[in-house]
C-alpha atoms as a PDB file:
ATOM      1  CA  UNK A   1     109.296 115.114  25.475  1.00  0.00           C
ATOM      2  CA  UNK A   2     111.382 115.108  22.279  1.00  0.00           C
ATOM      3  CA  UNK A   3     114.642 115.111  24.283  1.00  0.00           C
ATOM      4  CA  UNK A   4     113.304 112.258  26.416  1.00  0.00           C
ATOM      5  CA  UNK A   5     112.502 110.194  23.316  1.00  0.00           C
ATOM      6  CA  UNK A   6     115.953 110.887  21.815  1.00  0.00           C
ATOM      7  CA  UNK A   7     117.585 109.679  25.034  1.00  0.00           C
ATOM      8  CA  UNK A   8     115.496 106.493  25.049  1.00  0.00           C
ATOM      9  CA  UNK A   9     116.481 105.834  21.427  1.00  0.00           C
ATOM     10  CA  UNK A  10     120.135 106.349  22.408  1.00  0.00           C
ATOM     11  CA  UNK A  11     119.807 103.904  25.308  1.00  0.00           C
ATOM     12  CA  UNK A  12     118.320 101.365  22.891  1.00  0.00           C
ATOM     13  CA  UNK A  13     121.565 101.499  20.906  1.00  0.00           C
ATOM     14  CA  UNK A  14     120.373 103.089  17.671  1.00  0.00           C
ATOM     15  CA  UNK A  15     123.345 105.460  17.587  1.00  0.00           C
ATOM     16  CA  UNK A  16     122.840 107.962  14.777  1.00  0.00           C
ATOM     17  CA  UNK A  17     120.145 105.844  13.148  1.00  0.00           C
ATOM     18  CA  UNK A  18     116.469 106.739  13.424  1.00  0.00           C
ATOM     19  CA  UNK A  19     114.092 104.405  15.253  1.00  0.00           C
ATOM     20  CA  UNK A  20     111.248 102.917  13.219  1.00  0.00           C
ATOM     21  CA  UNK A  21     107.636 103.959  13.735  1.00  0.00           C
ATOM     22  CA  UNK A  22     106.744 100.807  15.668  1.00  0.00           C
ATOM     23  CA  UNK A  23     109.574 101.376  18.142  1.00  0.00           C
ATOM     24  CA  UNK A  24     108.655 105.053  18.536  1.00  0.00           C
ATOM     25  CA  UNK A  25     105.051 104.074  19.287  1.00  0.00           C
ATOM     26  CA  UNK A  26     106.243 101.608  21.950  1.00  0.00           C
ATOM     27  CA  UNK A  27     108.481 104.309  23.419  1.00  0.00           C
ATOM     28  CA  UNK A  28     105.500 106.658  23.627  1.00  0.00           C
ATOM     29  CA  UNK A  29     103.445 103.982  25.392  1.00  0.00           C
ATOM     30  CA  UNK A  30     106.303 103.250  27.805  1.00  0.00           C
ATOM     31  CA  UNK A  31     106.655 106.897  28.797  1.00  0.00           C
ATOM     32  CA  UNK A  32     102.892 107.127  29.326  1.00  0.00           C
ATOM     33  CA  UNK A  33     103.089 104.127  31.681  1.00  0.00           C
ATOM     34  CA  UNK A  34     106.063 105.647  33.531  1.00  0.00           C
ATOM     35  CA  UNK A  35     104.257 108.970  33.968  1.00  0.00           C
ATOM     36  CA  UNK A  36     101.442 107.041  35.625  1.00  0.00           C
ATOM     37  CA  UNK A  37     103.486 104.618  37.744  1.00  0.00           C
ATOM     38  CA  UNK A  38     106.875 106.166  38.564  1.00  0.00           C
ATOM     39  CA  UNK A  39     107.239 107.956  41.893  1.00  0.00           C
ATOM     40  CA  UNK A  40     110.518 109.893  41.579  1.00  0.00           C
ATOM     41  CA  UNK A  41     112.177 111.010  44.803  1.00  0.00           C
ATOM     42  CA  UNK A  42     115.555 112.511  45.553  1.00  0.00           C
ATOM     43  CA  UNK A  43     117.710 113.461  48.510  1.00  0.00           C
ATOM     44  CA  UNK A  44     120.854 115.568  48.780  1.00  0.00           C
ATOM     45  CA  UNK A  45     123.280 116.799  51.414  1.00  0.00           C
ATOM     46  CA  UNK A  46     126.005 119.385  50.991  1.00  0.00           C
ATOM     47  CA  UNK A  47     129.415 118.864  52.582  1.00  0.00           C
ATOM     48  CA  UNK A  48     132.698 120.710  52.718  1.00  0.00           C
ATOM     49  CA  UNK A  49     135.379 118.722  50.927  1.00  0.00           C
ATOM     50  CA  UNK A  50     139.131 118.479  51.056  1.00  0.00           C
ATOM     51  CA  UNK A  51     141.580 117.149  48.482  1.00  0.00           C
ATOM     52  CA  UNK A  52     144.866 116.052  50.004  1.00  0.00           C
ATOM     53  CA  UNK A  53     148.282 116.151  48.358  1.00  0.00           C
ATOM     54  CA  UNK A  54     148.376 112.359  48.175  1.00  0.00           C
ATOM     55  CA  UNK A  55     145.179 112.304  46.089  1.00  0.00           C
ATOM     56  CA  UNK A  56     142.540 111.492  48.693  1.00  0.00           C
ATOM     57  CA  UNK A  57     139.133 113.203  48.682  1.00  0.00           C
ATOM     58  CA  UNK A  58     137.653 113.717  52.143  1.00  0.00           C
ATOM     59  CA  UNK A  59     133.894 114.299  52.422  1.00  0.00           C
ATOM     60  CA  UNK A  60     132.558 114.106  55.972  1.00  0.00           C
ATOM     61  CA  UNK A  61     133.804 110.771  57.337  1.00  0.00           C
ATOM     62  CA  UNK A  62     134.241 109.288  53.836  1.00  0.00           C
ATOM     63  CA  UNK A  63     137.689 109.093  52.245  1.00  0.00           C
ATOM     64  CA  UNK A  64     137.813 108.431  48.500  1.00  0.00           C
ATOM     65  CA  UNK A  65     140.776 107.487  46.354  1.00  0.00           C
ATOM     66  CA  UNK A  66     139.963 108.106  42.674  1.00  0.00           C
ATOM     67  CA  UNK A  67     142.021 109.877  40.043  1.00  0.00           C
ATOM     68  CA  UNK A  68     139.051 110.470  37.735  1.00  0.00           C
ATOM     69  CA  UNK A  69     136.870 111.882  40.520  1.00  0.00           C
ATOM     70  CA  UNK A  70     139.757 114.077  41.746  1.00  0.00           C
ATOM     71  CA  UNK A  71     140.036 115.513  38.243  1.00  0.00           C
ATOM     72  CA  UNK A  72     136.283 116.180  38.114  1.00  0.00           C
ATOM     73  CA  UNK A  73     136.352 117.923  41.522  1.00  0.00           C
ATOM     74  CA  UNK A  74     139.452 120.032  40.851  1.00  0.00           C
ATOM     75  CA  UNK A  75     138.922 123.512  42.300  1.00  0.00           C
ATOM     76  CA  UNK A  76     135.727 122.575  44.176  1.00  0.00           C
ATOM     77  CA  UNK A  77     135.212 123.635  47.788  1.00  0.00           C
ATOM     78  CA  UNK A  78     131.991 121.752  48.501  1.00  0.00           C
ATOM     79  CA  UNK A  79     130.362 118.597  47.226  1.00  0.00           C
ATOM     80  CA  UNK A  80     126.712 117.602  46.945  1.00  0.00           C
ATOM     81  CA  UNK A  81     125.905 113.989  47.780  1.00  0.00           C
ATOM     82  CA  UNK A  82     122.863 113.079  45.697  1.00  0.00           C
ATOM     83  CA  UNK A  83     120.506 110.123  45.429  1.00  0.00           C
ATOM     84  CA  UNK A  84     117.382 109.584  43.331  1.00  0.00           C
ATOM     85  CA  UNK A  85     114.983 106.771  42.477  1.00  0.00           C
ATOM     86  CA  UNK A  86     111.909 106.165  40.327  1.00  0.00           C
ATOM     87  CA  UNK A  87     110.467 103.895  43.014  1.00  0.00           C
ATOM     88  CA  UNK A  88     109.459 100.243  43.255  1.00  0.00           C
ATOM     89  CA  UNK A  89     106.503 100.666  40.887  1.00  0.00           C
ATOM     90  CA  UNK A  90     108.876 101.111  37.951  1.00  0.00           C
ATOM     91  CA  UNK A  91     110.645  97.850  38.799  1.00  0.00           C
ATOM     92  CA  UNK A  92     107.294  96.042  38.931  1.00  0.00           C
ATOM     93  CA  UNK A  93     106.324  97.521  35.533  1.00  0.00           C
ATOM     94  CA  UNK A  94     109.554  96.221  33.966  1.00  0.00           C
ATOM     95  CA  UNK A  95     109.174  92.810  35.643  1.00  0.00           C
ATOM     96  CA  UNK A  96     105.616  92.353  34.370  1.00  0.00           C
ATOM     97  CA  UNK A  97     106.674  93.327  30.844  1.00  0.00           C
ATOM     98  CA  UNK A  98     109.642  90.921  30.909  1.00  0.00           C
ATOM     99  CA  UNK A  99     107.282  88.003  31.581  1.00  0.00           C
ATOM    100  CA  UNK A 100     104.825  88.925  28.824  1.00  0.00           C
ATOM    101  CA  UNK A 101     106.972  90.614  26.156  1.00  0.00           C
ATOM    102  CA  UNK A 102     110.764  90.866  26.447  1.00  0.00           C
ATOM    103  CA  UNK A 103     111.044  93.375  23.581  1.00  0.00           C
ATOM    104  CA  UNK A 104     108.620  95.678  25.374  1.00  0.00           C
ATOM    105  CA  UNK A 105     110.564  95.219  28.618  1.00  0.00           C
ATOM    106  CA  UNK A 106     113.775  96.340  26.908  1.00  0.00           C
ATOM    107  CA  UNK A 107     112.049  99.488  25.663  1.00  0.00           C
ATOM    108  CA  UNK A 108     110.622 100.241  29.117  1.00  0.00           C
ATOM    109  CA  UNK A 109     114.116  99.786  30.589  1.00  0.00           C
ATOM    110  CA  UNK A 110     115.522 102.347  28.148  1.00  0.00           C
ATOM    111  CA  UNK A 111     112.666 104.773  28.741  1.00  0.00           C
ATOM    112  CA  UNK A 112     113.023 104.442  32.521  1.00  0.00           C
ATOM    113  CA  UNK A 113     116.745 105.261  32.233  1.00  0.00           C
ATOM    114  CA  UNK A 114     115.926 108.373  30.176  1.00  0.00           C
ATOM    115  CA  UNK A 115     113.112 109.324  32.578  1.00  0.00           C
ATOM    116  CA  UNK A 116     115.465 109.028  35.569  1.00  0.00           C
ATOM    117  CA  UNK A 117     118.199 111.038  33.831  1.00  0.00           C
ATOM    118  CA  UNK A 118     115.729 113.818  33.038  1.00  0.00           C
ATOM    119  CA  UNK A 119     114.519 113.895  36.652  1.00  0.00           C
ATOM    120  CA  UNK A 120     118.098 114.045  37.965  1.00  0.00           C
ATOM    121  CA  UNK A 121     118.898 116.907  35.575  1.00  0.00           C
ATOM    122  CA  UNK A 122     115.878 118.840  36.861  1.00  0.00           C
ATOM    123  CA  UNK A 123     116.890 118.264  40.474  1.00  0.00           C
ATOM    124  CA  UNK A 124     120.464 119.319  39.740  1.00  0.00           C
ATOM    125  CA  UNK A 125     119.214 122.560  38.177  1.00  0.00           C
ATOM    126  CA  UNK A 126     117.179 123.204  41.334  1.00  0.00           C
ATOM    127  CA  UNK A 127     120.140 122.502  43.629  1.00  0.00           C
ATOM    128  CA  UNK A 128     122.432 124.572  41.417  1.00  0.00           C
ATOM    129  CA  UNK A 129     120.093 127.558  41.545  1.00  0.00           C
ATOM    130  CA  UNK A 130     120.290 127.569  45.343  1.00  0.00           C
ATOM    131  CA  UNK A 131     124.067 127.227  45.410  1.00  0.00           C
ATOM    132  CA  UNK A 132     124.547 129.998  42.855  1.00  0.00           C
ATOM    133  CA  UNK A 133     123.144 132.373  45.471  1.00  0.00           C
ATOM    134  CA  UNK A 134     126.276 131.480  47.470  1.00  0.00           C
ATOM    135  CA  UNK A 135     128.544 131.995  44.463  1.00  0.00           C
ATOM    136  CA  UNK A 136     129.040 128.276  43.813  1.00  0.00           C
ATOM    137  CA  UNK A 137     128.576 126.444  40.524  1.00  0.00           C
ATOM    138  CA  UNK A 138     127.943 122.748  39.999  1.00  0.00           C
ATOM    139  CA  UNK A 139     129.977 120.274  37.992  1.00  0.00           C
ATOM    140  CA  UNK A 140     128.358 117.271  36.254  1.00  0.00           C
ATOM    141  CA  UNK A 141     127.208 114.353  38.396  1.00  0.00           C
ATOM    142  CA  UNK A 142     129.813 111.667  39.028  1.00  0.00           C
ATOM    143  CA  UNK A 143     128.573 108.271  40.218  1.00  0.00           C
ATOM    144  CA  UNK A 144     130.343 105.292  41.814  1.00  0.00           C
ATOM    145  CA  UNK A 145     131.375 102.985  38.986  1.00  0.00           C
ATOM    146  CA  UNK A 146     132.513 105.807  36.663  1.00  0.00           C
ATOM    147  CA  UNK A 147     136.206 105.753  35.786  1.00  0.00           C
ATOM    148  CA  UNK A 148     138.191 104.506  38.766  1.00  0.00           C
ATOM    149  CA  UNK A 149     135.586 105.701  41.299  1.00  0.00           C
ATOM    150  CA  UNK A 150     134.952 102.277  42.826  1.00  0.00           C
ATOM    151  CA  UNK A 151     131.366 100.972  43.040  1.00  0.00           C
ATOM    152  CA  UNK A 152     132.060 100.093  46.689  1.00  0.00           C
ATOM    153  CA  UNK A 153     131.702 103.775  47.610  1.00  0.00           C
ATOM    154  CA  UNK A 154     127.986 103.351  46.942  1.00  0.00           C
ATOM    155  CA  UNK A 155     127.549 102.074  50.504  1.00  0.00           C
ATOM    156  CA  UNK A 156     129.013 105.003  52.518  1.00  0.00           C
ATOM    157  CA  UNK A 157     127.439 107.500  50.121  1.00  0.00           C
ATOM    158  CA  UNK A 158     123.986 106.012  50.643  1.00  0.00           C
ATOM    159  CA  UNK A 159     124.546 105.741  54.383  1.00  0.00           C
ATOM    160  CA  UNK A 160     125.490 109.436  54.609  1.00  0.00           C
ATOM    161  CA  UNK A 161     122.294 110.295  52.714  1.00  0.00           C
ATOM    162  CA  UNK A 162     120.222 107.838  54.801  1.00  0.00           C
ATOM    163  CA  UNK A 163     118.707 106.730  51.491  1.00  0.00           C
ATOM    164  CA  UNK A 164     116.693 103.856  52.964  1.00  0.00           C
ATOM    165  CA  UNK A 165     114.721 106.182  55.213  1.00  0.00           C
ATOM    166  CA  UNK A 166     114.655 109.293  53.017  1.00  0.00           C
ATOM    167  CA  UNK A 167     113.747 107.836  49.588  1.00  0.00           C
ATOM    168  CA  UNK A 168     113.326 104.069  50.149  1.00  0.00           C
ATOM    169  CA  UNK A 169     116.572 103.185  48.356  1.00  0.00           C
ATOM    170  CA  UNK A 170     118.640 100.255  49.616  1.00  0.00           C
ATOM    171  CA  UNK A 171     121.762  98.377  48.554  1.00  0.00           C
ATOM    172  CA  UNK A 172     122.444  94.664  48.131  1.00  0.00           C
ATOM    173  CA  UNK A 173     125.675  92.954  49.184  1.00  0.00           C
ATOM    174  CA  UNK A 174     126.838  93.141  45.555  1.00  0.00           C
ATOM    175  CA  UNK A 175     126.249  96.938  45.499  1.00  0.00           C
ATOM    176  CA  UNK A 176     123.096  96.761  43.359  1.00  0.00           C
ATOM    177  CA  UNK A 177     120.493  99.378  44.206  1.00  0.00           C
ATOM    178  CA  UNK A 178     116.887  98.512  44.987  1.00  0.00           C
ATOM    179  CA  UNK A 179     114.745  99.851  43.321  1.00  0.00           C
ATOM    180  CA  UNK A 180     117.003  99.308  40.317  1.00  0.00           C
ATOM    181  CA  UNK A 181     116.070 102.513  38.479  1.00  0.00           C
ATOM    182  CA  UNK A 182     117.995 104.668  40.914  1.00  0.00           C
ATOM    183  CA  UNK A 183     121.219 106.648  40.982  1.00  0.00           C
ATOM    184  CA  UNK A 184     123.652 108.099  43.481  1.00  0.00           C
ATOM    185  CA  UNK A 185     126.306 110.666  42.697  1.00  0.00           C
ATOM    186  CA  UNK A 186     128.707 113.298  43.918  1.00  0.00           C
ATOM    187  CA  UNK A 187     128.395 116.768  42.418  1.00  0.00           C
ATOM    188  CA  UNK A 188     131.252 119.182  42.919  1.00  0.00           C
ATOM    189  CA  UNK A 189     130.568 122.851  43.706  1.00  0.00           C
ATOM    190  CA  UNK A 190     133.201 125.377  42.663  1.00  0.00           C
ATOM    191  CA  UNK A 191     133.489 129.170  42.970  1.00  0.00           C
ATOM    192  CA  UNK A 192     134.575 129.158  39.309  1.00  0.00           C
ATOM    193  CA  UNK A 193     131.830 128.781  36.722  1.00  0.00           C
ATOM    194  CA  UNK A 194     132.780 126.184  34.115  1.00  0.00           C
ATOM    195  CA  UNK A 195     130.779 125.411  30.999  1.00  0.00           C
ATOM    196  CA  UNK A 196     130.095 121.850  32.073  1.00  0.00           C
ATOM    197  CA  UNK A 197     126.801 120.399  30.760  1.00  0.00           C
ATOM    198  CA  UNK A 198     124.520 118.834  33.351  1.00  0.00           C
ATOM    199  CA  UNK A 199     124.296 115.755  31.153  1.00  0.00           C
ATOM    200  CA  UNK A 200     127.997 115.183  31.788  1.00  0.00           C
ATOM    201  CA  UNK A 201     131.058 114.389  29.721  1.00  0.00           C
ATOM    202  CA  UNK A 202     129.175 112.150  27.272  1.00  0.00           C
ATOM    203  CA  UNK A 203     127.239 115.182  26.007  1.00  0.00           C
ATOM    204  CA  UNK A 204     130.277 117.441  25.740  1.00  0.00           C
ATOM    205  CA  UNK A 205     132.609 117.580  22.736  1.00  0.00           C
ATOM    206  CA  UNK A 206     135.501 119.115  24.670  1.00  0.00           C
ATOM    207  CA  UNK A 207     137.648 115.986  24.826  1.00  0.00           C
ATOM    208  CA  UNK A 208     140.680 117.795  26.261  1.00  0.00           C
ATOM    209  CA  UNK A 209     138.811 119.134  29.332  1.00  0.00           C
ATOM    210  CA  UNK A 210     140.789 118.735  32.545  1.00  0.00           C
ATOM    211  CA  UNK A 211     137.628 117.704  34.419  1.00  0.00           C
ATOM    212  CA  UNK A 212     136.694 114.967  31.953  1.00  0.00           C
ATOM    213  CA  UNK A 213     136.126 111.543  33.497  1.00  0.00           C
END
């Protein structure tokens, strides 16, 4: 719970500063509401992957051109396509709060982001435990929109996961996910175990890492 609160405070933009008691109380209330209302679901599929000499990444019938993703996947032999959502109830909770109390809505938004991140971390640990039995180790999640990994790849990624049917996650014409508190990502799997934190590059102080996005 403490880690969850710290993440929510970070999302609220406090940086290294401590949140006041009133804000912390609202954060506690928001997480209590999310525990009651959120319905987290996830889906994943594992594919062989190929990196070509001209920099393309081939996963199933999807071809990706992204220097930052190529760097993240260096040395990987498989990739996990991953999608997760907190469900439509979370969106309704935020919408109701935004009508009645915008400050509260902002806090719920931050708490929902932290809640989703925690859920994704837990799912990645579960997936990683299964792949380690095959001698493969996961890299941090890498989502469309990071670096030069174009947001447009959201569509084929979600189609390959059949997100609409599997977890009720759809995409608008402008590549916005519905429900909004959702995420998709690629996760590289390598036979070499790297000390990459699940939380990703933001949580790692190794700024000269060759996999850094």
